[in-house]
């Protein structure tokens, strides 16, 4: 007993000694913040800018006013660590001004008509980690522009006017991890353009008229994990390129001109988790195209010309969680083609106007765990279409000519958090549907020919006023003409007309397909 009491006393004594340490630590932190604020108060800051500490307690200068013809670099504190300058209508020339700030870690000068980075303009900035010169007028970059930047991790030169990049231009950036050259006018990748970028993980070449990707160019970036070349006018890719990039996990080749992909196309990139092939001209996904992609989770094949998905196209994709087949020419989606997609949670089949949804029920029954489903721009939706989906959270059935009677299609989906009913032919929401809608956190009803009277919208107007959350958008009235364009949140149900006559089919169709008179501010 005495030993127990003695032990307890020792523990209490230890706690008593620890408490001051805890408070002393808090005191030191508070003093650090106070001193930082005090220093902040006496530091230099241009009148056109704001200066403060960022989330990492780095002193930053942020200038977003725009319209600057000559930037006052001389008014920036020499101890600054982050500089952010954004347009519009700036006309900034850096020269050697940035070399006056040796502690810089981040430079973001965007949308400011910068014509050139400048030879050795970053010399001496040994702590620089992020350099963003996107949305400027840079036409040429040279090796000497990056001299001394062997600690830089991220470089963004997207949305400039670069036409050519010479070999070894980036050879001083030996620690670089992310490089974006997107949306320039680069027509060719010369040999050794990426020389010394062996640690690069992310490369974005999207929006350049490259037409071809010479495999040898990529020998210098063997650790690349994410590669984007959207809208690069590509018709095909030499398979050797994939052989040189075995670590790829994300591949974005959307909006190109691919018409066919051989079944061995992706044989050497076995670690892919995300593939975007949307906006091409593919007419078929051949069997076993993705047989080596057992880790693939996200696949986008939307906006192609797919007329059929063969039974074994997705046979190996048991880990796939996202599949987009929207806006193709599919007539059917066979049950066999989805039978192995046990982990699929998001499916988009919108815009396949030739697909008979009366025949898709068997396919849907193999996907009971879906949480996100888009069946927009398809036409008539069979009443029992959504019966298999008890766990659905997100449902898009916009653009399907739905009227009030058709809304019973959503009845099986009791767990919805988002419902898109936009671009239909709804002239009102009846009381039963209102009960369902009031439990959904976000609903879209825009671009419907809604009649704002008691009969058609009175109940919904009352309910929306009482909701504890806000929808992203609220519907606006089509009739009566005195309320046309009014948002329903601005209306009082007690002041509405009782029951107006239905509008004609011509008016209704015009309302649901027009984006002009129904959108806010039109």
Protein backbone atom coordinates (compact mmCIF):
# COMPACT_ATOMS: atom_id res chain seq x y z
CA UNK A 1 0.00 0.00 0.00
CA UNK A 2 2.80 2.38 0.96
CA UNK A 3 4.64 1.49 -2.23
CA UNK A 4 1.51 2.27 -4.22
CA UNK A 5 1.07 5.65 -2.55
CA UNK A 6 4.77 6.39 -3.05
CA UNK A 7 4.49 5.55 -6.75
CA UNK A 8 1.39 7.72 -7.09
CA UNK A 9 3.18 10.61 -5.41
CA UNK A 10 6.12 10.33 -7.78
CA UNK A 11 3.76 10.36 -10.78
CA UNK A 12 2.01 13.48 -9.49
CA UNK A 13 5.37 15.15 -8.98
CA UNK A 14 6.39 14.29 -12.54
CA UNK A 15 3.12 15.70 -13.86
CA UNK A 16 3.66 18.88 -11.86
CA UNK A 17 7.09 19.29 -13.43
CA UNK A 18 5.75 18.60 -16.90
CA UNK A 19 2.99 21.18 -16.76
CA UNK A 20 5.31 24.21 -16.77
CA UNK A 21 7.16 22.72 -19.76
CA UNK A 22 3.90 22.47 -21.67
CA UNK A 23 2.95 26.06 -20.89
CA UNK A 24 6.49 27.23 -21.59
CA UNK A 25 6.27 25.67 -25.06
CA UNK A 26 2.99 27.46 -25.70
CA UNK A 27 4.57 30.67 -24.43
CA UNK A 28 7.49 30.31 -26.84
CA UNK A 29 5.14 29.70 -29.75
CA UNK A 30 3.01 32.71 -28.81
CA UNK A 31 6.13 34.87 -28.56
CA UNK A 32 7.26 33.62 -31.96
CA UNK A 33 3.94 34.65 -33.52
CA UNK A 34 3.96 38.02 -31.74
CA UNK A 35 7.52 38.72 -32.83
CA UNK A 36 6.63 37.71 -36.37
CA UNK A 37 3.67 40.08 -36.32
CA UNK A 38 5.87 42.83 -34.91
CA UNK A 39 8.46 42.29 -37.62
CA UNK A 40 5.67 42.19 -40.16
CA UNK A 41 4.48 45.61 -39.00
CA UNK A 42 7.84 47.27 -39.64
CA UNK A 43 8.73 45.50 -42.89
CA UNK A 44 8.53 47.19 -46.28
CA UNK A 45 5.50 46.60 -48.46
CA UNK A 46 4.51 48.24 -51.77
CA UNK A 47 1.37 50.37 -51.59
CA UNK A 48 -0.18 48.33 -54.41
CA UNK A 49 0.26 45.06 -52.50
CA UNK A 50 -0.58 43.28 -49.28
CA UNK A 51 2.07 41.72 -47.05
CA UNK A 52 1.65 39.10 -44.33
CA UNK A 53 2.67 35.64 -43.18
CA UNK A 54 1.50 32.61 -45.12
CA UNK A 55 0.42 29.29 -43.59
CA UNK A 56 4.09 28.28 -43.22
CA UNK A 57 4.90 31.56 -41.42
CA UNK A 58 6.82 32.83 -44.43
CA UNK A 59 6.73 36.56 -45.13
CA UNK A 60 4.91 37.12 -48.41
CA UNK A 61 4.09 40.01 -50.72
CA UNK A 62 0.93 39.61 -52.79
CA UNK A 63 0.08 42.02 -55.61
CA UNK A 64 -3.16 41.32 -57.48
CA UNK A 65 -4.30 44.84 -58.32
CA UNK A 66 -3.25 44.68 -61.96
CA UNK A 67 -2.65 47.54 -64.36
CA UNK A 68 0.99 48.01 -63.29
CA UNK A 69 3.35 49.25 -66.01
CA UNK A 70 6.41 49.33 -63.77
CA UNK A 71 6.52 47.10 -60.76
CA UNK A 72 8.04 48.66 -57.58
CA UNK A 73 10.45 45.86 -56.65
CA UNK A 74 12.44 48.41 -54.63
CA UNK A 75 9.52 48.66 -52.19
CA UNK A 76 9.54 44.94 -51.34
CA UNK A 77 11.19 43.92 -48.09
CA UNK A 78 14.60 42.25 -48.68
CA UNK A 79 13.64 39.45 -46.25
CA UNK A 80 10.60 38.42 -48.31
CA UNK A 81 10.20 34.67 -48.91
CA UNK A 82 7.16 34.57 -51.19
CA UNK A 83 6.33 36.96 -54.04
CA UNK A 84 2.99 36.68 -55.86
CA UNK A 85 2.24 39.11 -58.69
CA UNK A 86 -0.89 38.61 -60.78
CA UNK A 87 -2.53 40.71 -63.49
CA UNK A 88 -4.56 41.55 -65.31
CA UNK A 89 -3.01 44.21 -67.53
CA UNK A 90 0.33 44.21 -65.78
CA UNK A 91 3.48 44.84 -67.76
CA UNK A 92 6.28 43.43 -65.62
CA UNK A 93 9.96 43.16 -66.47
CA UNK A 94 12.03 41.53 -63.74
CA UNK A 95 15.59 42.16 -64.95
CA UNK A 96 17.89 41.50 -61.98
CA UNK A 97 15.36 42.76 -59.43
CA UNK A 98 14.61 39.32 -57.97
CA UNK A 99 18.25 38.76 -57.04
CA UNK A 100 17.82 41.31 -54.24
CA UNK A 101 15.71 38.83 -52.26
CA UNK A 102 18.03 35.96 -51.29
CA UNK A 103 15.48 34.25 -49.02
CA UNK A 104 12.89 33.74 -51.75
CA UNK A 105 11.26 30.30 -51.76
CA UNK A 106 8.30 30.97 -54.05
CA UNK A 107 7.96 33.28 -57.06
CA UNK A 108 4.62 33.48 -58.88
CA UNK A 109 4.47 36.22 -61.51
CA UNK A 110 1.49 35.37 -63.71
CA UNK A 111 -0.75 37.11 -66.23
CA UNK A 112 1.68 40.04 -66.23
CA UNK A 113 3.02 40.22 -69.82
CA UNK A 114 6.51 39.15 -68.76
CA UNK A 115 8.50 38.94 -72.05
CA UNK A 116 11.49 36.96 -70.81
CA UNK A 117 12.90 35.34 -67.68
CA UNK A 118 16.35 36.80 -68.28
CA UNK A 119 19.87 35.44 -68.13
CA UNK A 120 20.95 34.72 -64.55
CA UNK A 121 18.04 36.79 -63.23
CA UNK A 122 17.57 34.14 -60.54
CA UNK A 123 21.23 33.87 -59.61
CA UNK A 124 21.84 33.59 -55.88
CA UNK A 125 18.31 32.47 -54.99
CA UNK A 126 19.47 29.23 -53.40
CA UNK A 127 16.26 28.69 -51.44
CA UNK A 128 13.90 28.97 -54.41
CA UNK A 129 11.59 25.95 -54.65
CA UNK A 130 8.68 27.11 -56.84
CA UNK A 131 8.88 29.30 -59.95
CA UNK A 132 5.65 30.16 -61.76
CA UNK A 133 5.77 32.38 -64.85
CA UNK A 134 2.54 31.08 -66.42
CA UNK A 135 0.18 33.24 -68.52
CA UNK A 136 2.83 35.63 -69.81
CA UNK A 137 4.44 36.52 -73.15
CA UNK A 138 7.64 34.50 -72.87
CA UNK A 139 8.75 33.32 -76.33
CA UNK A 140 12.20 31.96 -75.54
CA UNK A 141 13.82 30.21 -72.59
CA UNK A 142 17.53 29.50 -72.33
CA UNK A 143 19.83 27.42 -70.17
CA UNK A 144 21.34 30.48 -68.50
CA UNK A 145 17.87 31.60 -67.35
CA UNK A 146 18.01 28.86 -64.70
CA UNK A 147 21.67 29.04 -63.70
CA UNK A 148 22.11 28.45 -59.97
CA UNK A 149 18.66 26.88 -59.55
CA UNK A 150 19.73 23.37 -58.62
CA UNK A 151 17.26 23.36 -55.68
CA UNK A 152 14.15 24.29 -57.69
CA UNK A 153 11.33 21.73 -57.35
CA UNK A 154 8.51 23.17 -59.50
CA UNK A 155 8.58 25.17 -62.74
CA UNK A 156 5.42 26.39 -64.49
CA UNK A 157 5.78 28.05 -67.90
CA UNK A 158 2.31 27.19 -69.18
CA UNK A 159 0.23 29.58 -71.29
CA UNK A 160 3.16 31.47 -72.79
CA UNK A 161 4.29 31.79 -76.42
CA UNK A 162 7.26 29.43 -76.44
CA UNK A 163 7.93 27.91 -79.87
CA UNK A 164 11.25 26.10 -79.48
CA UNK A 165 13.26 24.74 -76.56
CA UNK A 166 16.89 23.79 -77.11
CA UNK A 167 18.67 20.72 -75.78
CA UNK A 168 19.84 20.90 -72.15
CA UNK A 169 17.79 24.04 -71.44
CA UNK A 170 16.81 22.65 -68.03
CA UNK A 171 20.14 20.99 -67.17
CA UNK A 172 20.67 23.23 -64.11
CA UNK A 173 17.39 22.06 -62.54
CA UNK A 174 18.67 18.76 -61.23
CA UNK A 175 16.15 18.56 -58.35
CA UNK A 176 13.10 19.49 -60.43
CA UNK A 177 9.99 17.39 -59.71
CA UNK A 178 7.23 19.20 -61.65
CA UNK A 179 7.41 20.86 -65.07
CA UNK A 180 4.51 22.40 -67.00
CA UNK A 181 4.98 23.62 -70.55
CA UNK A 182 1.27 23.37 -71.39
CA UNK A 183 -0.50 25.68 -73.83
CA UNK A 184 2.50 27.06 -75.67
CA UNK A 185 3.32 26.66 -79.37
CA UNK A 186 6.04 24.02 -79.12
CA UNK A 187 6.06 22.01 -82.35
CA UNK A 188 8.92 19.61 -81.65
CA UNK A 189 10.72 17.95 -78.75
CA UNK A 190 14.43 17.97 -79.56
CA UNK A 191 16.84 15.35 -78.27
CA UNK A 192 18.02 15.83 -74.66
CA UNK A 193 15.46 18.56 -74.03
CA UNK A 194 14.98 17.03 -70.58
CA UNK A 195 18.67 16.38 -69.91
CA UNK A 196 19.49 16.18 -66.15
CA UNK A 197 15.82 15.99 -65.13
CA UNK A 198 16.18 12.46 -63.82
CA UNK A 199 14.05 13.24 -60.73
CA UNK A 200 11.11 14.68 -62.66
CA UNK A 201 7.77 13.17 -61.59
CA UNK A 202 5.21 15.40 -63.35
CA UNK A 203 5.31 16.63 -66.96
CA UNK A 204 2.54 18.54 -68.76
CA UNK A 205 2.93 19.19 -72.49
CA UNK A 206 -0.77 19.67 -73.21
CA UNK A 207 -1.95 22.18 -75.80
CA UNK A 208 1.21 22.11 -77.92
CA UNK A 209 1.02 21.07 -81.63
CA UNK A 210 3.60 18.32 -81.20
CA UNK A 211 2.03 15.66 -83.46
CA UNK A 212 4.76 13.23 -82.38
CA UNK A 213 6.50 12.13 -79.17
CA UNK A 214 9.97 10.75 -80.03
CA UNK A 215 10.67 8.01 -77.44
CA UNK A 216 14.36 8.86 -77.01
CA UNK A 217 13.42 12.28 -75.65
CA UNK A 218 12.01 10.57 -72.57
CA UNK A 219 15.13 8.59 -71.68
CA UNK A 220 16.15 11.42 -69.36
CA UNK A 221 12.97 11.25 -67.24
CA UNK A 222 12.77 7.57 -66.17
CA UNK A 223 10.98 8.38 -62.88
CA UNK A 224 8.08 10.19 -64.51
CA UNK A 225 4.80 9.30 -62.81
CA UNK A 226 2.29 11.72 -64.34
CA UNK A 227 2.36 12.62 -68.02
CA UNK A 228 -0.12 14.90 -69.79
CA UNK A 229 -0.31 15.60 -73.48
CA UNK A 230 -3.91 16.66 -74.07
CA UNK A 231 -4.69 18.32 -77.37
CA UNK A 232 -1.24 17.66 -78.84
CA UNK A 233 -2.51 16.57 -82.29
CA UNK A 234 -1.27 13.04 -81.68
CA UNK A 235 -2.46 10.26 -83.98
CA UNK A 236 -0.36 7.48 -82.48
CA UNK A 237 2.41 6.83 -79.97
CA UNK A 238 5.48 4.68 -80.43
CA UNK A 239 5.13 1.88 -77.81
CA UNK A 240 8.81 2.29 -76.95
CA UNK A 241 7.87 5.51 -75.14
CA UNK A 242 5.90 3.51 -72.59
CA UNK A 243 8.81 1.11 -72.24
CA UNK A 244 10.99 4.06 -71.17
CA UNK A 245 8.40 5.26 -68.61
CA UNK A 246 7.63 2.15 -66.54
CA UNK A 247 6.79 4.18 -63.40
CA UNK A 248 3.84 6.04 -64.95
CA UNK A 249 0.76 6.10 -62.73
CA UNK A 250 -1.30 8.77 -64.54
CA UNK A 251 -1.58 9.25 -68.29
CA UNK A 252 -3.65 11.98 -69.95
CA UNK A 253 -3.93 11.75 -73.74
CA UNK A 254 -7.36 13.33 -74.08
CA UNK A 255 -8.47 15.46 -77.04
CA UNK A 256 -6.06 13.96 -79.55
CA UNK A 257 -6.69 12.08 -82.81
CA UNK A 258 -6.30 8.43 -81.86
CA UNK A 259 -8.53 6.17 -83.96
CA UNK A 260 -7.27 2.80 -82.77
CA UNK A 261 -5.21 1.43 -79.89
CA UNK A 262 -3.53 -1.95 -80.24
CA UNK A 263 -4.06 -4.44 -77.43
CA UNK A 264 -0.34 -4.12 -76.53
CA UNK A 265 -0.45 -0.31 -76.38
CA UNK A 266 -0.12 -0.12 -72.58
CA UNK A 267 1.71 -3.39 -71.99
CA UNK A 268 4.77 -1.78 -70.36
CA UNK A 269 3.02 0.70 -68.07
CA UNK A 270 1.74 -1.67 -65.42
CA UNK A 271 1.35 0.83 -62.58
CA UNK A 272 -1.23 3.08 -64.18
CA UNK A 273 -4.01 4.19 -61.83
CA UNK A 274 -5.57 6.88 -64.05
CA UNK A 275 -5.97 7.00 -67.84
CA UNK A 276 -7.75 9.77 -69.78
CA UNK A 277 -8.50 9.07 -73.44
CA UNK A 278 -11.53 11.32 -73.80
CA UNK A 279 -12.12 13.39 -76.93
CA UNK A 280 -10.38 11.10 -79.39
CA UNK A 281 -11.78 9.16 -82.37
CA UNK A 282 -11.75 5.64 -80.97
CA UNK A 283 -14.43 3.39 -82.44
CA UNK A 284 -13.64 0.36 -80.32
CA UNK A 285 -11.85 -0.64 -77.12
CA UNK A 286 -10.19 -3.89 -78.10
CA UNK A 287 -10.27 -6.90 -75.81
CA UNK A 288 -7.43 -7.00 -73.28
CA UNK A 289 -6.28 -3.43 -74.01
CA UNK A 290 -5.97 -2.89 -70.25
CA UNK A 291 -4.97 -6.43 -69.29
CA UNK A 292 -1.77 -5.26 -67.53
CA UNK A 293 -3.43 -2.38 -65.66
CA UNK A 294 -4.62 -4.25 -62.60
CA UNK A 295 -4.18 -1.12 -60.46
CA UNK A 296 -6.23 1.13 -62.75
CA UNK A 297 -8.88 3.09 -60.83
CA UNK A 298 -9.95 5.89 -63.18
CA UNK A 299 -10.73 5.45 -66.89
CA UNK A 300 -12.22 8.14 -69.14
CA UNK A 301 -13.30 7.13 -72.65
CA UNK A 302 -15.91 9.85 -73.12
CA UNK A 303 -16.46 11.81 -76.34
CA UNK A 304 -15.14 9.14 -78.67
CA UNK A 305 -16.95 7.13 -81.34
CA UNK A 306 -17.36 3.89 -79.44
CA UNK A 307 -20.17 1.79 -80.85
CA UNK A 308 -19.43 -1.24 -78.71
CA UNK A 309 -17.54 -2.32 -75.61
CA UNK A 310 -16.39 -5.92 -76.14
CA UNK A 311 -17.03 -8.39 -73.34
CA UNK A 312 -13.40 -8.64 -72.24
CA UNK A 313 -12.37 -4.99 -72.57
CA UNK A 314 -12.39 -4.42 -68.80
CA UNK A 315 -11.71 -7.98 -67.71
CA UNK A 316 -8.64 -7.15 -65.59
CA UNK A 317 -9.94 -3.92 -64.06
CA UNK A 318 -11.21 -5.28 -60.76
CA UNK A 319 -9.91 -2.15 -58.96
CA UNK A 320 -11.60 0.34 -61.27
CA UNK A 321 -13.70 2.87 -59.34
CA UNK A 322 -14.46 5.45 -62.09
CA UNK A 323 -15.62 4.75 -65.66
CA UNK A 324 -16.77 7.41 -68.13
CA UNK A 325 -18.30 6.17 -71.40
CA UNK A 326 -20.41 9.26 -72.03
CA UNK A 327 -21.15 10.86 -75.40
CA UNK A 328 -20.20 7.92 -77.57
CA UNK A 329 -22.32 5.88 -80.00
CA UNK A 330 -23.02 2.92 -77.75
CA UNK A 331 -26.15 0.94 -78.49
CA UNK A 332 -25.73 -1.48 -75.59
CA UNK A 333 -23.56 -1.99 -72.55
CA UNK A 334 -23.43 -5.74 -72.15
CA UNK A 335 -23.49 -7.30 -68.67
CA UNK A 336 -20.41 -9.32 -69.61
CA UNK A 337 -18.36 -6.17 -70.13
CA UNK A 338 -18.83 -5.00 -66.51
CA UNK A 339 -18.92 -8.34 -64.71
CA UNK A 340 -15.47 -7.89 -63.13
CA UNK A 341 -15.94 -4.26 -62.07
CA UNK A 342 -16.66 -5.12 -58.45
CA UNK A 343 -15.24 -1.85 -57.09
CA UNK A 344 -16.86 0.51 -59.58
CA UNK A 345 -18.44 3.48 -57.80
CA UNK A 346 -18.84 6.07 -60.57
CA UNK A 347 -20.39 5.39 -63.99
CA UNK A 348 -21.23 7.93 -66.69
CA UNK A 349 -23.14 6.73 -69.77
CA UNK A 350 -24.71 10.09 -70.65
CA UNK A 351 -25.21 11.15 -74.25
CA UNK A 352 -25.33 7.67 -75.80
CA UNK A 353 -28.58 8.54 -77.53
CA UNK A 354 -28.89 5.22 -79.39
CA UNK A 355 -28.73 3.14 -76.22
CA UNK A 356 -31.94 1.36 -75.26
CA UNK A 357 -32.22 1.84 -71.50
CA UNK A 358 -34.92 -0.82 -71.29
CA UNK A 359 -32.16 -3.36 -71.98
CA UNK A 360 -29.60 -2.08 -69.47
CA UNK A 361 -31.30 -3.26 -66.28
CA UNK A 362 -29.35 -6.56 -66.27
CA UNK A 363 -26.09 -4.63 -66.58
CA UNK A 364 -27.03 -2.27 -63.76
CA UNK A 365 -27.83 -5.21 -61.48
CA UNK A 366 -24.15 -6.19 -61.63
CA UNK A 367 -23.18 -2.75 -60.27
CA UNK A 368 -25.18 -2.42 -57.03
CA UNK A 369 -22.42 -0.53 -55.22
CA UNK A 370 -22.47 2.53 -57.49
CA UNK A 371 -22.54 5.83 -55.61
CA UNK A 372 -22.34 8.18 -58.63
CA UNK A 373 -24.37 7.72 -61.81
CA UNK A 374 -24.88 10.01 -64.81
CA UNK A 375 -27.59 9.18 -67.34
CA UNK A 376 -28.04 12.62 -68.93
CA UNK A 377 -29.16 13.43 -72.48
CA UNK A 378 -30.53 9.95 -73.09
CA UNK A 379 -34.26 10.40 -73.65
CA UNK A 380 -36.96 8.38 -71.90
CA UNK A 381 -35.92 6.78 -68.59
CA UNK A 382 -37.77 3.53 -67.74
CA UNK A 383 -39.52 3.66 -64.36
CA UNK A 384 -37.51 0.84 -62.76
CA UNK A 385 -34.17 1.92 -64.19
CA UNK A 386 -32.60 2.86 -60.83
CA UNK A 387 -33.95 0.01 -58.69
CA UNK A 388 -30.52 -1.69 -58.30
CA UNK A 389 -28.91 1.41 -56.79
CA UNK A 390 -29.67 1.59 -53.08
CA UNK A 391 -26.39 3.39 -52.26
CA UNK A 392 -26.53 6.10 -54.89
CA UNK A 393 -25.32 9.51 -53.63
CA UNK A 394 -24.98 11.46 -56.89
CA UNK A 395 -27.47 11.23 -59.76
CA UNK A 396 -27.46 13.24 -62.99
CA UNK A 397 -30.57 12.75 -65.14
CA UNK A 398 -30.52 16.16 -66.82
CA UNK A 399 -31.59 16.73 -70.42
CA UNK A 400 -33.99 13.77 -70.60
CA UNK A 401 -37.30 15.54 -71.36
CA UNK A 402 -38.56 14.54 -67.91
CA UNK A 403 -41.92 15.86 -66.79
CA UNK A 404 -43.45 15.69 -63.32
CA UNK A 405 -44.80 12.16 -63.82
CA UNK A 406 -41.38 10.88 -64.90
CA UNK A 407 -39.77 11.82 -61.59
CA UNK A 408 -40.95 8.61 -59.97
CA UNK A 409 -37.81 7.11 -61.53
CA UNK A 410 -35.79 8.47 -58.58
CA UNK A 411 -37.93 6.77 -55.93
CA UNK A 412 -35.53 3.81 -55.29
CA UNK A 413 -32.63 6.18 -54.53
CA UNK A 414 -33.16 7.03 -50.87
CA UNK A 415 -29.59 8.13 -50.04
CA UNK A 416 -29.10 10.88 -52.63
CA UNK A 417 -26.96 13.90 -51.74
CA UNK A 418 -26.91 15.48 -55.22
CA UNK A 419 -29.62 15.37 -57.89
CA UNK A 420 -29.37 17.07 -61.29
CA UNK A 421 -32.79 17.60 -62.91
CA UNK A 422 -31.73 20.54 -65.10
CA UNK A 423 -32.63 20.92 -68.79
CA UNK A 424 -35.81 18.87 -68.55
CA UNK A 425 -39.48 19.76 -69.10
CA UNK A 426 -40.59 20.22 -65.52
CA UNK A 427 -43.24 22.88 -65.03
CA UNK A 428 -43.58 22.15 -61.33
CA UNK A 429 -42.65 19.86 -58.43
CA UNK A 430 -45.50 18.00 -56.75
CA UNK A 431 -45.74 17.42 -53.00
CA UNK A 432 -44.42 13.83 -53.11
CA UNK A 433 -41.29 14.83 -54.99
CA UNK A 434 -40.80 17.82 -52.70
CA UNK A 435 -40.63 15.41 -49.75
CA UNK A 436 -37.80 13.56 -51.51
CA UNK A 437 -36.00 16.73 -52.56
CA UNK A 438 -35.97 18.30 -49.11
CA UNK A 439 -33.73 15.46 -47.88
CA UNK A 440 -31.18 16.02 -50.68
CA UNK A 441 -28.40 18.49 -49.93
CA UNK A 442 -27.99 19.82 -53.47
CA UNK A 443 -30.51 19.85 -56.32
CA UNK A 444 -30.30 21.43 -59.78
CA UNK A 445 -33.55 22.49 -61.44
CA UNK A 446 -32.25 25.20 -63.77
CA UNK A 447 -33.39 25.39 -67.40
CA UNK A 448 -36.86 23.97 -66.77
CA UNK A 449 -40.08 25.79 -67.82
CA UNK A 450 -41.20 26.25 -64.22
CA UNK A 451 -44.59 27.81 -63.52
CA UNK A 452 -44.27 29.78 -60.31
CA UNK A 453 -47.75 29.48 -58.86
CA UNK A 454 -49.16 27.72 -55.79
CA UNK A 455 -50.11 24.55 -57.67
CA UNK A 456 -46.77 23.93 -59.34
CA UNK A 457 -44.09 25.46 -57.13
CA UNK A 458 -45.73 26.68 -53.91
CA UNK A 459 -44.73 23.69 -51.79
CA UNK A 460 -41.13 23.68 -53.02
CA UNK A 461 -40.74 27.42 -52.41
CA UNK A 462 -41.89 26.95 -48.81
CA UNK A 463 -39.53 24.01 -48.23
CA UNK A 464 -36.46 25.70 -49.72
CA UNK A 465 -36.89 28.63 -47.33
CA UNK A 466 -36.68 26.20 -44.39
CA UNK A 467 -33.67 24.16 -45.52
CA UNK A 468 -30.60 24.28 -43.27
CA UNK A 469 -28.25 24.13 -46.25
CA UNK A 470 -27.91 26.03 -49.52
CA UNK A 471 -28.06 24.65 -53.03
CA UNK A 472 -25.32 25.68 -55.45
CA UNK A 473 -27.93 27.09 -57.84
CA UNK A 474 -31.62 27.84 -57.51
CA UNK A 475 -34.25 27.53 -60.25
CA UNK A 476 -35.86 30.58 -61.79
CA UNK A 477 -39.38 31.08 -63.08
CA UNK A 478 -40.53 30.83 -66.68
CA UNK A 479 -44.17 31.73 -66.04
CA UNK A 480 -45.99 33.92 -65.28
CA UNK A 481 -44.26 36.49 -67.46
CA UNK A 482 -44.28 38.96 -64.57
CA UNK A 483 -41.98 36.58 -62.66
CA UNK A 484 -39.91 35.35 -65.59
CA UNK A 485 -36.25 35.29 -64.56
CA UNK A 486 -37.02 35.55 -60.83
CA UNK A 487 -35.17 33.15 -58.52
CA UNK A 488 -37.58 31.13 -56.40
CA UNK A 489 -35.72 32.03 -53.21
CA UNK A 490 -36.93 35.60 -53.72
CA UNK A 491 -40.59 34.57 -53.81
CA UNK A 492 -43.19 34.25 -51.09
CA UNK A 493 -45.53 31.31 -51.70
CA UNK A 494 -48.39 33.26 -50.15
CA UNK A 495 -48.16 35.90 -52.84
CA UNK A 496 -48.33 33.55 -55.83
CA UNK A 497 -51.22 33.00 -58.23
CA UNK A 498 -53.23 29.91 -57.38
CA UNK A 499 -53.09 27.85 -60.58
CA UNK A 500 -52.02 29.00 -64.03
CA UNK A 501 -52.79 27.11 -67.21
CA UNK A 502 -50.11 24.82 -68.61
CA UNK A 503 -47.88 26.26 -71.26
CA UNK A 504 -47.88 24.88 -74.79
CA UNK A 505 -45.52 22.13 -75.88
CA UNK A 506 -43.67 24.59 -78.08
CA UNK A 507 -43.05 26.98 -75.20
CA UNK A 508 -42.07 24.12 -72.90
CA UNK A 509 -39.54 22.67 -75.33
CA UNK A 510 -38.08 26.10 -75.97
CA UNK A 511 -37.70 26.72 -72.26
CA UNK A 512 -35.93 23.46 -71.46
CA UNK A 513 -33.48 23.72 -74.34
CA UNK A 514 -32.65 27.41 -74.06
CA UNK A 515 -29.83 28.58 -71.82
CA UNK A 516 -30.52 32.27 -72.32
CA UNK A 517 -33.70 33.49 -70.67
CA UNK A 518 -33.46 31.06 -67.76
CA UNK A 519 -29.95 31.82 -66.63
CA UNK A 520 -29.27 34.42 -63.97
CA UNK A 521 -28.66 37.89 -65.32
CA UNK A 522 -30.06 37.25 -68.80
